[in-house]
N, C-alpha and C. Protein backbone atom coordinates (compact mmCIF):
# COMPACT_ATOMS: atom_id res chain seq x y z
N MET A 1 -1.27 -24.87 -8.88
CA MET A 1 -0.52 -24.44 -7.73
C MET A 1 -1.25 -23.33 -6.97
N VAL A 2 -1.69 -22.31 -7.69
CA VAL A 2 -2.41 -21.21 -7.03
C VAL A 2 -3.71 -21.72 -6.43
N ASN A 3 -4.40 -22.58 -7.14
CA ASN A 3 -5.65 -23.13 -6.60
C ASN A 3 -5.41 -23.91 -5.31
N ASP A 4 -4.26 -24.60 -5.25
CA ASP A 4 -3.91 -25.32 -4.02
C ASP A 4 -3.71 -24.34 -2.86
N LEU A 5 -3.07 -23.23 -3.15
CA LEU A 5 -2.83 -22.21 -2.11
C LEU A 5 -4.15 -21.63 -1.61
N LEU A 6 -5.08 -21.45 -2.51
CA LEU A 6 -6.36 -20.86 -2.14
C LEU A 6 -7.19 -21.77 -1.24
N THR A 7 -6.86 -23.04 -1.22
CA THR A 7 -7.61 -23.97 -0.36
C THR A 7 -7.01 -24.08 1.04
N LEU A 8 -5.86 -23.44 1.27
CA LEU A 8 -5.26 -23.47 2.60
C LEU A 8 -6.15 -22.73 3.59
N PRO A 9 -6.08 -23.09 4.86
CA PRO A 9 -6.83 -22.36 5.88
C PRO A 9 -6.39 -20.88 5.91
N LEU A 10 -7.28 -20.02 6.35
CA LEU A 10 -7.02 -18.59 6.35
C LEU A 10 -5.72 -18.24 7.07
N ALA A 11 -5.47 -18.80 8.21
CA ALA A 11 -4.26 -18.48 8.98
C ALA A 11 -3.01 -18.80 8.17
N GLN A 12 -3.00 -19.89 7.46
CA GLN A 12 -1.85 -20.25 6.64
C GLN A 12 -1.69 -19.31 5.45
N ARG A 13 -2.82 -18.94 4.84
CA ARG A 13 -2.75 -18.00 3.71
C ARG A 13 -2.22 -16.65 4.17
N LEU A 14 -2.67 -16.19 5.35
CA LEU A 14 -2.18 -14.91 5.87
C LEU A 14 -0.69 -14.98 6.18
N GLU A 15 -0.25 -16.10 6.73
CA GLU A 15 1.18 -16.28 7.01
C GLU A 15 1.98 -16.26 5.71
N LEU A 16 1.46 -16.90 4.68
CA LEU A 16 2.12 -16.91 3.38
C LEU A 16 2.20 -15.51 2.79
N VAL A 17 1.11 -14.77 2.87
CA VAL A 17 1.10 -13.40 2.36
C VAL A 17 2.14 -12.55 3.10
N GLN A 18 2.18 -12.69 4.43
CA GLN A 18 3.14 -11.93 5.22
C GLN A 18 4.57 -12.29 4.83
N THR A 19 4.84 -13.57 4.64
CA THR A 19 6.18 -14.02 4.24
C THR A 19 6.56 -13.46 2.88
N LEU A 20 5.62 -13.51 1.94
CA LEU A 20 5.88 -12.94 0.61
C LEU A 20 6.12 -11.43 0.69
N TRP A 21 5.27 -10.75 1.45
CA TRP A 21 5.39 -9.29 1.57
C TRP A 21 6.73 -8.93 2.19
N ASP A 22 7.13 -9.65 3.24
CA ASP A 22 8.41 -9.38 3.89
C ASP A 22 9.57 -9.60 2.92
N SER A 23 9.48 -10.63 2.09
CA SER A 23 10.56 -10.89 1.14
C SER A 23 10.65 -9.79 0.08
N ILE A 24 9.51 -9.27 -0.32
CA ILE A 24 9.49 -8.16 -1.29
C ILE A 24 10.06 -6.90 -0.65
N ALA A 25 9.64 -6.61 0.56
CA ALA A 25 10.12 -5.42 1.26
C ALA A 25 11.62 -5.49 1.51
N ALA A 26 12.14 -6.68 1.78
CA ALA A 26 13.56 -6.85 2.06
C ALA A 26 14.41 -6.51 0.83
N GLU A 27 13.86 -6.72 -0.33
CA GLU A 27 14.60 -6.41 -1.56
C GLU A 27 14.66 -4.92 -1.82
N GLN A 28 13.68 -4.19 -1.35
CA GLN A 28 13.60 -2.75 -1.50
C GLN A 28 13.89 -2.30 -2.93
N ILE A 29 13.29 -3.02 -3.85
CA ILE A 29 13.46 -2.68 -5.25
C ILE A 29 12.20 -1.97 -5.72
N GLY A 30 12.37 -0.82 -6.29
CA GLY A 30 11.23 -0.08 -6.80
C GLY A 30 11.37 0.11 -8.29
N PRO A 31 10.37 0.69 -8.88
CA PRO A 31 10.44 0.93 -10.33
C PRO A 31 11.47 2.00 -10.65
N GLU A 32 12.05 1.89 -11.80
CA GLU A 32 12.98 2.92 -12.26
C GLU A 32 12.17 4.17 -12.59
N LEU A 33 12.58 5.30 -12.04
CA LEU A 33 11.88 6.55 -12.28
C LEU A 33 12.73 7.46 -13.15
N SER A 34 12.06 8.15 -14.05
CA SER A 34 12.76 9.15 -14.85
C SER A 34 12.96 10.40 -13.98
N GLU A 35 13.79 11.29 -14.43
CA GLU A 35 14.01 12.54 -13.68
C GLU A 35 12.70 13.34 -13.60
N ALA A 36 11.91 13.31 -14.67
CA ALA A 36 10.62 14.01 -14.66
C ALA A 36 9.68 13.40 -13.61
N ASP A 37 9.68 12.07 -13.50
CA ASP A 37 8.86 11.40 -12.48
C ASP A 37 9.30 11.81 -11.08
N ARG A 38 10.62 11.82 -10.85
CA ARG A 38 11.15 12.21 -9.53
C ARG A 38 10.73 13.64 -9.17
N LYS A 39 10.84 14.53 -10.14
CA LYS A 39 10.47 15.93 -9.89
C LYS A 39 8.99 16.05 -9.56
N LEU A 40 8.15 15.34 -10.31
CA LEU A 40 6.72 15.38 -10.07
C LEU A 40 6.38 14.84 -8.68
N ILE A 41 6.99 13.74 -8.29
CA ILE A 41 6.77 13.18 -6.96
C ILE A 41 7.22 14.16 -5.89
N ASP A 42 8.39 14.74 -6.08
CA ASP A 42 8.90 15.72 -5.11
C ASP A 42 7.97 16.93 -5.00
N GLN A 43 7.45 17.40 -6.13
CA GLN A 43 6.53 18.53 -6.12
C GLN A 43 5.24 18.18 -5.37
N ARG A 44 4.71 17.01 -5.64
CA ARG A 44 3.47 16.60 -4.98
C ARG A 44 3.68 16.39 -3.48
N LEU A 45 4.82 15.83 -3.10
CA LEU A 45 5.12 15.65 -1.68
C LEU A 45 5.26 17.00 -1.00
N GLU A 46 5.98 17.92 -1.63
CA GLU A 46 6.14 19.26 -1.06
C GLU A 46 4.78 19.95 -0.91
N SER A 47 3.93 19.82 -1.91
CA SER A 47 2.60 20.41 -1.86
C SER A 47 1.79 19.79 -0.72
N PHE A 48 1.84 18.49 -0.59
CA PHE A 48 1.12 17.79 0.48
C PHE A 48 1.61 18.25 1.84
N LEU A 49 2.92 18.30 2.03
CA LEU A 49 3.49 18.68 3.33
C LEU A 49 3.20 20.14 3.68
N SER A 50 3.18 21.02 2.69
CA SER A 50 2.92 22.43 2.97
C SER A 50 1.44 22.73 3.14
N ASP A 51 0.58 21.86 2.64
CA ASP A 51 -0.86 22.05 2.71
C ASP A 51 -1.36 22.04 4.15
N GLY A 52 -0.82 21.15 4.97
CA GLY A 52 -1.25 21.05 6.36
C GLY A 52 -2.53 20.26 6.56
N ASP A 53 -3.15 19.80 5.49
CA ASP A 53 -4.38 19.02 5.58
C ASP A 53 -4.04 17.54 5.46
N PRO A 54 -4.15 16.78 6.55
CA PRO A 54 -3.78 15.37 6.48
C PRO A 54 -4.79 14.51 5.74
N GLY A 55 -5.93 15.06 5.40
CA GLY A 55 -6.96 14.27 4.72
C GLY A 55 -7.78 13.49 5.71
N LEU A 56 -8.44 12.46 5.24
CA LEU A 56 -9.31 11.65 6.08
C LEU A 56 -8.62 10.34 6.45
N ASP A 57 -8.92 9.84 7.65
CA ASP A 57 -8.39 8.52 7.97
C ASP A 57 -9.34 7.47 7.40
N ALA A 58 -8.93 6.21 7.46
CA ALA A 58 -9.69 5.12 6.84
C ALA A 58 -11.11 5.04 7.39
N HIS A 59 -11.28 5.24 8.69
CA HIS A 59 -12.61 5.16 9.28
C HIS A 59 -13.54 6.23 8.70
N GLN A 60 -13.03 7.44 8.54
CA GLN A 60 -13.85 8.52 7.99
C GLN A 60 -14.24 8.23 6.54
N VAL A 61 -13.31 7.71 5.78
CA VAL A 61 -13.60 7.41 4.37
C VAL A 61 -14.65 6.30 4.28
N LEU A 62 -14.45 5.23 5.06
CA LEU A 62 -15.41 4.14 5.01
C LEU A 62 -16.78 4.56 5.55
N ASP A 63 -16.81 5.39 6.58
CA ASP A 63 -18.09 5.90 7.08
C ASP A 63 -18.78 6.71 6.01
N ALA A 64 -18.02 7.52 5.28
CA ALA A 64 -18.60 8.34 4.22
C ALA A 64 -19.17 7.45 3.12
N LEU A 65 -18.57 6.28 2.93
CA LEU A 65 -19.05 5.34 1.92
C LEU A 65 -20.15 4.41 2.44
N GLY A 66 -20.42 4.53 3.76
CA GLY A 66 -21.45 3.69 4.35
C GLY A 66 -20.94 2.34 4.79
N HIS A 67 -19.64 2.20 5.00
CA HIS A 67 -19.03 0.95 5.44
C HIS A 67 -18.38 1.17 6.80
N ALA A 68 -18.00 0.11 7.43
CA ALA A 68 -17.27 0.20 8.70
C ALA A 68 -16.13 -0.78 8.68
N LEU A 69 -15.09 -0.46 9.42
CA LEU A 69 -13.93 -1.38 9.51
C LEU A 69 -14.25 -2.53 10.45
């Protein structure tokens, strides 16, 4: 079955991926997090937001690696 999907034209495979992704997003189901996990995520988000450094965008990262989008 998977091998059959891999032989589809690119446009059809992309459409299939988008349909699958949309169905996953519609469920909005995430992993169960412990309270410790939630606190750690909240701490990291707070640190990120207070830092003020947005980091690098994809183009900068790929340029640094010698690639281009």
